[in-house]
Amino acid sequence: MKMAICELESISPYSQSKFHDTPKLEKETSDDYEWRTWREKVHADKDGKMFIPPMQFKNSLAEAARYLSLQIPGKGKATYTKHFKSGVLVTEGLKLPFTKDDVPMERISCGSQGAGSTRRVTKNFPVIQEWKGEVSFYILDDTITESIFSRILSEAGNFIGIGKSRPSSPNGYFYGRYKVNKVEWCDM
């Protein structure tokens, strides 16, 4: 097993939209509910400190492997897709320098039923303009080499992204893009 300790840095804003089922108050309008509960869309620990969930990085990487469909040398038409999907783990999120109470917010017009909905509503979302930090990827599959890992991670940051409104989302927005500053490849 290998571990890739990666220093990642945002190249576009990052937004979160965690599901919550906070009940509406009696006679509360949809807009009042949105103003009262938007912070519930934040991924935060028990102390209210924000983080980027580990699965966002793992899924970004796996989706990039599928997107690129690079063939494994000497394996015919086989690609790296399944190796990245099941052979990589990210177990810890990236801590952000915000708490649930001090995160900035943006107000946007979006589809009431998600992407593609014609009825528009105004919603509030947490938004981080810049972030930077280390993410550790555990490489369980020996088919994944350091060079192919670095290439796919770089493309994941460019074309797939993380969070709400990322390039690979149904709307194809530009949030959640990141660059790879450094990859430290280690034996476990």
N, C-alpha and C. Protein backbone atom coordinates (compact mmCIF):
# COMPACT_ATOMS: atom_id res chain seq x y z
N MET A 1 0.85 -1.18 0.00
CA MET A 1 0.00 0.00 0.00
C MET A 1 0.89 1.24 0.00
N LYS A 2 0.46 2.26 -0.71
CA LYS A 2 1.15 3.54 -0.79
C LYS A 2 0.26 4.62 -0.21
N MET A 3 0.88 5.75 0.09
CA MET A 3 0.12 6.92 0.51
C MET A 3 0.66 8.10 -0.28
N ALA A 4 -0.24 8.92 -0.78
CA ALA A 4 0.12 10.15 -1.47
C ALA A 4 -0.37 11.31 -0.61
N ILE A 5 0.60 12.06 -0.06
CA ILE A 5 0.25 13.25 0.72
C ILE A 5 0.31 14.41 -0.24
N CYS A 6 -0.84 15.03 -0.49
CA CYS A 6 -0.96 16.01 -1.55
C CYS A 6 -1.31 17.39 -1.00
N GLU A 7 -0.54 18.37 -1.41
CA GLU A 7 -0.88 19.75 -1.07
C GLU A 7 -1.74 20.28 -2.22
N LEU A 8 -2.97 20.62 -1.88
CA LEU A 8 -3.94 21.11 -2.86
C LEU A 8 -4.30 22.56 -2.53
N GLU A 9 -4.63 23.31 -3.58
CA GLU A 9 -4.98 24.72 -3.39
C GLU A 9 -6.07 25.11 -4.38
N SER A 10 -7.02 25.88 -3.89
CA SER A 10 -8.14 26.29 -4.74
C SER A 10 -7.68 27.18 -5.89
N ILE A 11 -8.36 27.04 -7.02
CA ILE A 11 -8.17 27.98 -8.13
C ILE A 11 -9.51 28.62 -8.53
N SER A 12 -10.54 28.29 -7.76
CA SER A 12 -11.84 28.94 -7.90
C SER A 12 -12.56 28.81 -6.56
N PRO A 13 -13.62 29.58 -6.34
CA PRO A 13 -14.35 29.47 -5.07
C PRO A 13 -14.89 28.06 -4.85
N TYR A 14 -15.18 27.75 -3.61
CA TYR A 14 -15.71 26.44 -3.22
C TYR A 14 -16.98 26.67 -2.40
N SER A 15 -18.03 25.91 -2.70
CA SER A 15 -19.29 26.06 -1.99
C SER A 15 -19.80 24.70 -1.54
N GLN A 16 -20.49 24.70 -0.42
CA GLN A 16 -21.06 23.47 0.12
C GLN A 16 -22.58 23.53 0.09
N SER A 17 -23.18 22.34 0.03
CA SER A 17 -24.64 22.27 0.05
C SER A 17 -25.09 20.97 0.72
N LYS A 18 -24.58 20.72 1.91
CA LYS A 18 -24.93 19.51 2.65
C LYS A 18 -26.44 19.46 2.88
N PHE A 19 -27.01 18.29 2.71
CA PHE A 19 -28.44 18.10 2.95
C PHE A 19 -28.73 18.30 4.44
N HIS A 20 -29.82 18.96 4.70
CA HIS A 20 -30.31 19.06 6.09
C HIS A 20 -31.84 19.00 6.03
N ASP A 21 -32.41 18.56 7.11
CA ASP A 21 -33.88 18.48 7.15
C ASP A 21 -34.43 19.24 8.35
N THR A 22 -33.86 20.41 8.58
CA THR A 22 -34.34 21.29 9.64
C THR A 22 -35.81 21.61 9.37
N PRO A 23 -36.67 21.38 10.36
CA PRO A 23 -38.10 21.64 10.12
C PRO A 23 -38.40 23.13 9.97
N LYS A 24 -39.37 23.41 9.14
CA LYS A 24 -39.86 24.78 8.99
C LYS A 24 -40.67 25.17 10.22
N LEU A 25 -40.56 26.42 10.60
CA LEU A 25 -41.37 26.92 11.70
C LEU A 25 -42.79 27.20 11.20
N GLU A 26 -43.72 27.21 12.11
CA GLU A 26 -45.10 27.49 11.73
C GLU A 26 -45.20 28.87 11.09
N LYS A 27 -45.84 28.96 9.94
CA LYS A 27 -46.06 30.19 9.17
C LYS A 27 -44.75 30.82 8.65
N GLU A 28 -43.66 30.07 8.65
CA GLU A 28 -42.39 30.59 8.13
C GLU A 28 -42.40 30.53 6.61
N THR A 29 -42.03 31.62 5.95
CA THR A 29 -41.95 31.61 4.49
C THR A 29 -40.71 30.85 4.05
N SER A 30 -40.69 30.46 2.81
CA SER A 30 -39.52 29.75 2.26
C SER A 30 -38.28 30.63 2.34
N ASP A 31 -38.43 31.92 2.07
CA ASP A 31 -37.28 32.82 2.13
C ASP A 31 -36.78 32.98 3.57
N ASP A 32 -37.67 33.12 4.52
CA ASP A 32 -37.27 33.22 5.92
C ASP A 32 -36.56 31.93 6.37
N TYR A 33 -37.09 30.79 5.92
CA TYR A 33 -36.46 29.51 6.24
C TYR A 33 -35.03 29.45 5.68
N GLU A 34 -34.86 29.92 4.46
CA GLU A 34 -33.54 29.92 3.81
C GLU A 34 -32.56 30.79 4.60
N TRP A 35 -32.99 31.96 5.03
CA TRP A 35 -32.13 32.85 5.83
C TRP A 35 -31.79 32.23 7.18
N ARG A 36 -32.73 31.54 7.78
CA ARG A 36 -32.51 30.95 9.11
C ARG A 36 -31.61 29.72 9.06
N THR A 37 -31.67 28.93 7.99
CA THR A 37 -31.03 27.62 8.00
C THR A 37 -29.85 27.45 7.04
N TRP A 38 -29.43 28.48 6.32
CA TRP A 38 -28.39 28.27 5.30
C TRP A 38 -27.10 27.70 5.88
N ARG A 39 -26.78 28.01 7.12
CA ARG A 39 -25.54 27.48 7.72
C ARG A 39 -25.60 25.96 7.93
N GLU A 40 -26.79 25.40 7.88
CA GLU A 40 -26.92 23.95 8.00
C GLU A 40 -26.38 23.22 6.77
N LYS A 41 -26.09 23.95 5.70
CA LYS A 41 -25.52 23.37 4.48
C LYS A 41 -24.01 23.18 4.59
N VAL A 42 -23.44 23.59 5.72
CA VAL A 42 -22.00 23.52 5.98
C VAL A 42 -21.61 22.15 6.51
N HIS A 43 -20.47 21.63 6.05
CA HIS A 43 -19.88 20.43 6.64
C HIS A 43 -18.99 20.93 7.78
N ALA A 44 -19.34 20.59 9.00
CA ALA A 44 -18.59 21.06 10.17
C ALA A 44 -18.50 19.95 11.21
N ASP A 45 -17.42 20.00 12.00
CA ASP A 45 -17.27 19.03 13.09
C ASP A 45 -18.12 19.45 14.28
N LYS A 46 -18.02 18.71 15.37
CA LYS A 46 -18.87 18.98 16.55
C LYS A 46 -18.59 20.34 17.19
N ASP A 47 -17.40 20.92 16.89
CA ASP A 47 -17.05 22.25 17.40
C ASP A 47 -17.43 23.37 16.43
N GLY A 48 -18.05 23.01 15.32
CA GLY A 48 -18.48 24.00 14.33
C GLY A 48 -17.40 24.38 13.34
N LYS A 49 -16.23 23.70 13.36
CA LYS A 49 -15.15 24.02 12.42
C LYS A 49 -15.42 23.33 11.08
N MET A 50 -15.34 24.11 10.03
CA MET A 50 -15.66 23.61 8.69
C MET A 50 -14.55 22.69 8.15
N PHE A 51 -14.97 21.78 7.28
CA PHE A 51 -14.03 20.92 6.57
C PHE A 51 -14.60 20.54 5.21
N ILE A 52 -13.70 20.13 4.33
CA ILE A 52 -14.13 19.56 3.05
C ILE A 52 -14.15 18.06 3.26
N PRO A 53 -15.29 17.39 3.05
CA PRO A 53 -15.38 15.96 3.31
C PRO A 53 -14.40 15.14 2.47
N PRO A 54 -13.85 14.08 3.05
CA PRO A 54 -12.87 13.26 2.33
C PRO A 54 -13.42 12.65 1.05
N MET A 55 -14.70 12.29 1.04
CA MET A 55 -15.28 11.66 -0.15
C MET A 55 -15.33 12.61 -1.34
N GLN A 56 -15.32 13.92 -1.11
CA GLN A 56 -15.31 14.84 -2.24
C GLN A 56 -14.01 14.70 -3.03
N PHE A 57 -12.90 14.51 -2.32
CA PHE A 57 -11.61 14.33 -3.01
C PHE A 57 -11.53 12.95 -3.66
N LYS A 58 -11.98 11.93 -2.96
CA LYS A 58 -11.94 10.57 -3.51
C LYS A 58 -12.83 10.47 -4.75
N ASN A 59 -14.03 11.03 -4.67
CA ASN A 59 -14.94 10.97 -5.81
C ASN A 59 -14.45 11.81 -6.98
N SER A 60 -13.82 12.94 -6.70
CA SER A 60 -13.25 13.77 -7.76
C SER A 60 -12.19 12.99 -8.52
N LEU A 61 -11.35 12.29 -7.79
CA LEU A 61 -10.29 11.49 -8.39
C LEU A 61 -10.86 10.34 -9.22
N ALA A 62 -11.82 9.60 -8.66
CA ALA A 62 -12.43 8.48 -9.38
C ALA A 62 -13.17 8.94 -10.63
N GLU A 63 -13.85 10.07 -10.53
CA GLU A 63 -14.57 10.61 -11.69
C GLU A 63 -13.60 11.06 -12.78
N ALA A 64 -12.46 11.60 -12.38
CA ALA A 64 -11.44 12.00 -13.36
C ALA A 64 -10.87 10.78 -14.07
N ALA A 65 -10.65 9.70 -13.33
CA ALA A 65 -10.15 8.46 -13.95
C ALA A 65 -11.14 7.96 -15.00
N ARG A 66 -12.43 8.02 -14.67
CA ARG A 66 -13.47 7.60 -15.63
C ARG A 66 -13.52 8.55 -16.83
N TYR A 67 -13.43 9.85 -16.56
CA TYR A 67 -13.47 10.88 -17.60
C TYR A 67 -12.32 10.69 -18.59
N LEU A 68 -11.12 10.44 -18.08
CA LEU A 68 -9.94 10.31 -18.95
C LEU A 68 -9.89 8.96 -19.65
N SER A 69 -10.39 7.91 -18.99
CA SER A 69 -10.37 6.54 -19.54
C SER A 69 -9.01 6.16 -20.10
N LEU A 70 -7.96 6.43 -19.35
CA LEU A 70 -6.61 6.08 -19.79
C LEU A 70 -6.42 4.57 -19.73
N GLN A 71 -5.85 4.01 -20.78
CA GLN A 71 -5.63 2.57 -20.82
C GLN A 71 -4.39 2.19 -20.02
N ILE A 72 -4.45 1.03 -19.36
CA ILE A 72 -3.33 0.51 -18.59
C ILE A 72 -2.36 -0.17 -19.55
N PRO A 73 -1.11 0.27 -19.58
CA PRO A 73 -0.14 -0.35 -20.50
C PRO A 73 -0.04 -1.86 -20.28
N GLY A 74 -0.09 -2.62 -21.39
CA GLY A 74 0.02 -4.07 -21.33
C GLY A 74 -1.24 -4.80 -20.93
N LYS A 75 -2.36 -4.08 -20.77
CA LYS A 75 -3.63 -4.70 -20.34
C LYS A 75 -4.73 -4.54 -21.39
N GLY A 76 -4.34 -4.45 -22.65
CA GLY A 76 -5.32 -4.33 -23.72
C GLY A 76 -6.10 -3.03 -23.62
N LYS A 77 -7.43 -3.15 -23.63
CA LYS A 77 -8.31 -1.97 -23.57
C LYS A 77 -8.69 -1.59 -22.13
N ALA A 78 -8.20 -2.30 -21.13
CA ALA A 78 -8.53 -2.02 -19.74
C ALA A 78 -8.06 -0.62 -19.35
N THR A 79 -8.89 0.07 -18.58
CA THR A 79 -8.56 1.42 -18.13
C THR A 79 -8.36 1.43 -16.61
N TYR A 80 -7.93 2.56 -16.09
CA TYR A 80 -7.69 2.73 -14.67
C TYR A 80 -8.97 3.00 -13.86
N THR A 81 -10.09 3.16 -14.52
CA THR A 81 -11.31 3.59 -13.86
C THR A 81 -11.64 2.79 -12.60
N LYS A 82 -11.76 1.48 -12.71
CA LYS A 82 -12.16 0.66 -11.55
C LYS A 82 -11.07 0.66 -10.47
N HIS A 83 -9.83 0.83 -10.86
CA HIS A 83 -8.73 0.84 -9.90
C HIS A 83 -8.79 2.10 -9.01
N PHE A 84 -9.17 3.22 -9.60
CA PHE A 84 -9.32 4.45 -8.81
C PHE A 84 -10.61 4.44 -8.00
N LYS A 85 -11.65 3.83 -8.56
CA LYS A 85 -12.93 3.79 -7.85
C LYS A 85 -12.83 2.97 -6.56
N SER A 86 -12.23 1.78 -6.64
CA SER A 86 -12.17 0.93 -5.44
C SER A 86 -10.82 0.86 -4.78
N GLY A 87 -9.78 1.33 -5.43
CA GLY A 87 -8.44 1.15 -4.89
C GLY A 87 -7.81 2.36 -4.24
N VAL A 88 -8.62 3.40 -3.97
CA VAL A 88 -8.11 4.61 -3.33
C VAL A 88 -9.05 4.99 -2.18
N LEU A 89 -8.46 5.36 -1.05
CA LEU A 89 -9.24 5.83 0.10
C LEU A 89 -8.75 7.21 0.52
N VAL A 90 -9.67 8.03 0.96
CA VAL A 90 -9.34 9.29 1.65
C VAL A 90 -10.16 9.23 2.93
N THR A 91 -9.46 9.25 4.08
CA THR A 91 -10.17 9.03 5.34
C THR A 91 -10.38 10.28 6.18
N GLU A 92 -9.67 11.35 5.85
CA GLU A 92 -9.82 12.59 6.62
C GLU A 92 -10.09 13.76 5.69
N GLY A 93 -10.99 14.61 6.12
CA GLY A 93 -11.30 15.80 5.35
C GLY A 93 -10.23 16.87 5.52
N LEU A 94 -10.33 17.90 4.70
CA LEU A 94 -9.40 19.04 4.78
C LEU A 94 -10.05 20.11 5.64
N LYS A 95 -9.37 20.46 6.72
CA LYS A 95 -9.91 21.48 7.64
C LYS A 95 -9.81 22.86 7.00
N LEU A 96 -10.87 23.64 7.17
CA LEU A 96 -10.93 25.00 6.64
C LEU A 96 -10.82 26.01 7.78
N PRO A 97 -10.36 27.22 7.48
CA PRO A 97 -10.17 28.22 8.54
C PRO A 97 -11.44 29.00 8.90
N PHE A 98 -12.58 28.34 8.79
CA PHE A 98 -13.86 28.98 9.10
C PHE A 98 -14.63 28.10 10.06
N THR A 99 -15.53 28.74 10.79
CA THR A 99 -16.50 27.98 11.57
C THR A 99 -17.85 28.16 10.89
N LYS A 100 -18.77 27.36 11.32
CA LYS A 100 -20.13 27.43 10.80
C LYS A 100 -20.72 28.83 11.00
N ASP A 101 -20.29 29.51 12.06
CA ASP A 101 -20.85 30.82 12.40
C ASP A 101 -20.22 31.98 11.65
N ASP A 102 -19.01 31.81 11.13
CA ASP A 102 -18.35 32.94 10.47
C ASP A 102 -18.10 32.75 8.97
N VAL A 103 -18.61 31.67 8.41
CA VAL A 103 -18.41 31.43 6.98
C VAL A 103 -19.18 32.47 6.15
N PRO A 104 -18.57 32.97 5.09
CA PRO A 104 -19.29 33.89 4.20
C PRO A 104 -20.43 33.17 3.46
N MET A 105 -21.39 33.94 2.99
CA MET A 105 -22.56 33.41 2.32
C MET A 105 -22.74 34.11 0.97
N GLU A 106 -23.27 33.37 0.02
CA GLU A 106 -23.69 33.98 -1.25
C GLU A 106 -25.14 33.63 -1.48
N ARG A 107 -25.84 34.54 -2.11
CA ARG A 107 -27.27 34.37 -2.41
C ARG A 107 -27.39 34.24 -3.91
N ILE A 108 -27.97 33.13 -4.36
CA ILE A 108 -28.06 32.89 -5.80
C ILE A 108 -29.47 32.46 -6.20
N SER A 109 -29.77 32.68 -7.46
CA SER A 109 -31.01 32.21 -8.05
C SER A 109 -30.74 30.83 -8.63
N CYS A 110 -31.55 29.86 -8.24
CA CYS A 110 -31.34 28.50 -8.75
C CYS A 110 -32.68 27.82 -8.95
N GLY A 111 -32.65 26.67 -9.60
CA GLY A 111 -33.87 25.91 -9.85
C GLY A 111 -34.47 25.39 -8.56
N SER A 112 -35.76 25.50 -8.41
CA SER A 112 -36.43 25.09 -7.17
C SER A 112 -36.30 23.58 -6.93
N GLN A 113 -36.18 22.82 -7.99
CA GLN A 113 -36.06 21.36 -7.88
C GLN A 113 -34.67 20.89 -8.30
N GLY A 114 -33.68 21.78 -8.27
CA GLY A 114 -32.31 21.42 -8.67
C GLY A 114 -32.04 21.79 -10.12
N ALA A 115 -30.93 21.26 -10.63
CA ALA A 115 -30.50 21.58 -12.00
C ALA A 115 -31.58 21.20 -13.01
N GLY A 116 -31.84 22.07 -13.95
CA GLY A 116 -32.81 21.81 -15.01
C GLY A 116 -34.22 22.28 -14.69
N SER A 117 -34.48 22.63 -13.45
CA SER A 117 -35.81 23.10 -13.06
C SER A 117 -36.05 24.49 -13.66
N THR A 118 -37.23 24.72 -14.20
CA THR A 118 -37.52 26.02 -14.82
C THR A 118 -37.99 27.05 -13.80
N ARG A 119 -38.54 26.61 -12.68
CA ARG A 119 -38.99 27.55 -11.63
C ARG A 119 -37.77 27.97 -10.82
N ARG A 120 -37.55 29.28 -10.69
CA ARG A 120 -36.39 29.83 -10.00
C ARG A 120 -36.75 30.27 -8.59
N VAL A 121 -35.82 30.03 -7.67
CA VAL A 121 -35.94 30.50 -6.29
C VAL A 121 -34.59 31.07 -5.87
N THR A 122 -34.58 31.87 -4.82
CA THR A 122 -33.34 32.42 -4.30
C THR A 122 -32.93 31.62 -3.08
N LYS A 123 -31.67 31.16 -3.08
CA LYS A 123 -31.15 30.36 -1.98
C LYS A 123 -29.81 30.91 -1.51
N ASN A 124 -29.48 30.60 -0.27
CA ASN A 124 -28.21 31.02 0.33
C ASN A 124 -27.30 29.81 0.50
N PHE A 125 -26.02 30.00 0.20
CA PHE A 125 -25.05 28.92 0.34
C PHE A 125 -23.76 29.46 0.94
N PRO A 126 -23.07 28.63 1.73
CA PRO A 126 -21.75 29.03 2.21
C PRO A 126 -20.77 29.03 1.04
N VAL A 127 -19.84 29.98 1.03
CA VAL A 127 -18.85 30.03 -0.05
C VAL A 127 -17.49 30.40 0.52
N ILE A 128 -16.47 29.70 0.08
CA ILE A 128 -15.09 29.94 0.48
C ILE A 128 -14.35 30.40 -0.76
N GLN A 129 -13.77 31.59 -0.73
CA GLN A 129 -13.07 32.12 -1.90
C GLN A 129 -11.74 31.41 -2.15
N GLU A 130 -11.02 31.07 -1.06
CA GLU A 130 -9.71 30.41 -1.19
C GLU A 130 -9.51 29.39 -0.09
N TRP A 131 -8.85 28.29 -0.41
CA TRP A 131 -8.47 27.30 0.59
C TRP A 131 -7.18 26.64 0.14
N LYS A 132 -6.49 26.01 1.08
CA LYS A 132 -5.25 25.32 0.78
C LYS A 132 -4.98 24.33 1.92
N GLY A 133 -4.45 23.17 1.61
CA GLY A 133 -4.13 22.22 2.66
C GLY A 133 -3.70 20.88 2.11
N GLU A 134 -3.40 19.97 3.03
CA GLU A 134 -2.95 18.62 2.66
C GLU A 134 -4.10 17.62 2.75
N VAL A 135 -4.11 16.73 1.77
CA VAL A 135 -5.05 15.62 1.75
C VAL A 135 -4.24 14.36 1.53
N SER A 136 -4.49 13.34 2.36
CA SER A 136 -3.78 12.06 2.23
C SER A 136 -4.66 11.05 1.50
N PHE A 137 -4.13 10.52 0.41
CA PHE A 137 -4.80 9.49 -0.38
C PHE A 137 -4.09 8.16 -0.10
N TYR A 138 -4.85 7.14 0.29
CA TYR A 138 -4.29 5.81 0.50
C TYR A 138 -4.50 5.02 -0.78
N ILE A 139 -3.40 4.56 -1.37
CA ILE A 139 -3.45 3.84 -2.65
C ILE A 139 -3.36 2.35 -2.33
N LEU A 140 -4.48 1.65 -2.42
CA LEU A 140 -4.54 0.23 -2.08
C LEU A 140 -4.23 -0.66 -3.27
N ASP A 141 -4.33 -0.14 -4.45
CA ASP A 141 -4.19 -0.91 -5.69
C ASP A 141 -2.84 -0.60 -6.33
N ASP A 142 -1.99 -1.62 -6.46
CA ASP A 142 -0.64 -1.43 -7.02
C ASP A 142 -0.65 -1.08 -8.50
N THR A 143 -1.77 -1.21 -9.16
CA THR A 143 -1.87 -0.82 -10.58
C THR A 143 -1.69 0.69 -10.72
N ILE A 144 -2.02 1.43 -9.68
CA ILE A 144 -1.94 2.89 -9.70
C ILE A 144 -0.51 3.30 -9.35
N THR A 145 0.18 3.87 -10.32
CA THR A 145 1.56 4.33 -10.12
C THR A 145 1.57 5.80 -9.70
N GLU A 146 2.71 6.24 -9.24
CA GLU A 146 2.84 7.64 -8.83
C GLU A 146 2.55 8.59 -9.99
N SER A 147 3.07 8.29 -11.16
CA SER A 147 2.88 9.21 -12.29
C SER A 147 1.42 9.25 -12.75
N ILE A 148 0.75 8.09 -12.79
CA ILE A 148 -0.65 8.09 -13.23
C ILE A 148 -1.53 8.74 -12.16
N PHE A 149 -1.23 8.51 -10.88
CA PHE A 149 -1.98 9.14 -9.81
C PHE A 149 -1.87 10.67 -9.92
N SER A 150 -0.64 11.17 -10.07
CA SER A 150 -0.43 12.63 -10.15
C SER A 150 -1.15 13.23 -11.35
N ARG A 151 -1.13 12.54 -12.47
CA ARG A 151 -1.80 13.05 -13.68
C ARG A 151 -3.31 13.12 -13.48
N ILE A 152 -3.88 12.04 -12.94
CA ILE A 152 -5.33 12.00 -12.77
C ILE A 152 -5.78 12.99 -11.69
N LEU A 153 -4.99 13.14 -10.62
CA LEU A 153 -5.33 14.12 -9.58
C LEU A 153 -5.32 15.54 -10.15
N SER A 154 -4.33 15.83 -10.97
CA SER A 154 -4.24 17.15 -11.59
C SER A 154 -5.45 17.43 -12.48
N GLU A 155 -5.83 16.44 -13.26
CA GLU A 155 -7.00 16.60 -14.14
C GLU A 155 -8.30 16.67 -13.33
N ALA A 156 -8.34 15.97 -12.19
CA ALA A 156 -9.52 16.04 -11.32
C ALA A 156 -9.74 17.47 -10.86
N GLY A 157 -8.65 18.15 -10.50
CA GLY A 157 -8.76 19.55 -10.07
C GLY A 157 -9.16 20.48 -11.19
N ASN A 158 -8.72 20.18 -12.40
CA ASN A 158 -9.02 21.03 -13.56
C ASN A 158 -10.44 20.84 -14.10
N PHE A 159 -10.88 19.58 -14.24
CA PHE A 159 -12.10 19.28 -14.98
C PHE A 159 -13.27 18.77 -14.15
N ILE A 160 -13.00 18.26 -12.95
CA ILE A 160 -14.06 17.65 -12.15
C ILE A 160 -14.43 18.54 -10.96
N GLY A 161 -13.45 18.85 -10.11
CA GLY A 161 -13.67 19.73 -8.96
C GLY A 161 -14.34 19.03 -7.79
N ILE A 162 -14.69 19.84 -6.78
CA ILE A 162 -15.34 19.36 -5.57
C ILE A 162 -16.46 20.32 -5.18
N GLY A 163 -17.40 19.84 -4.38
CA GLY A 163 -18.43 20.70 -3.83
C GLY A 163 -19.56 21.03 -4.79
N LYS A 164 -20.36 22.02 -4.36
CA LYS A 164 -21.51 22.46 -5.15
C LYS A 164 -21.04 23.29 -6.35
N SER A 165 -21.70 23.15 -7.45
CA SER A 165 -21.44 23.94 -8.67
C SER A 165 -20.05 23.70 -9.26
N ARG A 166 -19.56 22.48 -9.14
CA ARG A 166 -18.26 22.12 -9.73
C ARG A 166 -18.41 21.89 -11.23
N PRO A 167 -17.31 21.84 -11.97
CA PRO A 167 -17.39 21.66 -13.43
C PRO A 167 -18.15 20.41 -13.86
N SER A 168 -18.06 19.33 -13.10
CA SER A 168 -18.74 18.10 -13.52
C SER A 168 -20.19 18.01 -13.04
N SER A 169 -20.69 19.05 -12.36
CA SER A 169 -22.09 19.04 -11.91
C SER A 169 -23.01 19.22 -13.12
N PRO A 170 -24.30 18.95 -12.97
CA PRO A 170 -25.22 19.07 -14.11
C PRO A 170 -25.18 20.45 -14.79
N ASN A 171 -24.93 21.51 -14.02
CA ASN A 171 -24.89 22.84 -14.62
C ASN A 171 -23.52 23.19 -15.21
N GLY A 172 -22.51 22.39 -14.92
CA GLY A 172 -21.18 22.63 -15.46
C GLY A 172 -20.58 23.96 -15.06
N TYR A 173 -20.72 24.33 -13.81
CA TYR A 173 -20.22 25.60 -13.31
C TYR A 173 -18.70 25.53 -13.09
N PHE A 174 -18.10 26.52 -12.46
CA PHE A 174 -16.64 26.54 -12.33
C PHE A 174 -16.15 26.47 -10.89
N TYR A 175 -17.03 26.38 -9.92
CA TYR A 175 -16.60 26.31 -8.51
C TYR A 175 -15.89 24.98 -8.22
N GLY A 176 -15.09 24.98 -7.14
CA GLY A 176 -14.50 23.74 -6.65
C GLY A 176 -13.27 23.25 -7.38
N ARG A 177 -12.73 24.06 -8.28
CA ARG A 177 -11.51 23.65 -9.00
C ARG A 177 -10.30 23.86 -8.09
N TYR A 178 -9.30 23.01 -8.27
CA TYR A 178 -8.09 23.10 -7.44
C TYR A 178 -6.87 22.69 -8.23
N LYS A 179 -5.69 23.10 -7.72
CA LYS A 179 -4.44 22.70 -8.34
C LYS A 179 -3.64 21.87 -7.34
N VAL A 180 -2.72 21.08 -7.88
CA VAL A 180 -1.87 20.23 -7.07
C VAL A 180 -0.51 20.92 -6.96
N ASN A 181 -0.16 21.36 -5.76
CA ASN A 181 1.13 22.02 -5.54
C ASN A 181 2.25 21.01 -5.31
N LYS A 182 1.92 19.88 -4.67
CA LYS A 182 2.96 18.90 -4.33
C LYS A 182 2.32 17.55 -4.06
N VAL A 183 3.01 16.48 -4.47
CA VAL A 183 2.60 15.11 -4.14
C VAL A 183 3.81 14.42 -3.54
N GLU A 184 3.64 13.93 -2.31
CA GLU A 184 4.69 13.16 -1.64
C GLU A 184 4.22 11.71 -1.61
N TRP A 185 4.93 10.84 -2.32
CA TRP A 185 4.55 9.44 -2.48
C TRP A 185 5.31 8.61 -1.45
N CYS A 186 4.61 7.86 -0.61
CA CYS A 186 5.26 7.12 0.48
C CYS A 186 4.81 5.66 0.49
N ASP A 187 5.71 4.77 0.92
CA ASP A 187 5.35 3.37 1.20
C ASP A 187 4.71 3.31 2.58
N MET A 188 3.73 2.47 2.72
CA MET A 188 3.08 2.29 4.03
C MET A 188 3.57 1.00 4.66
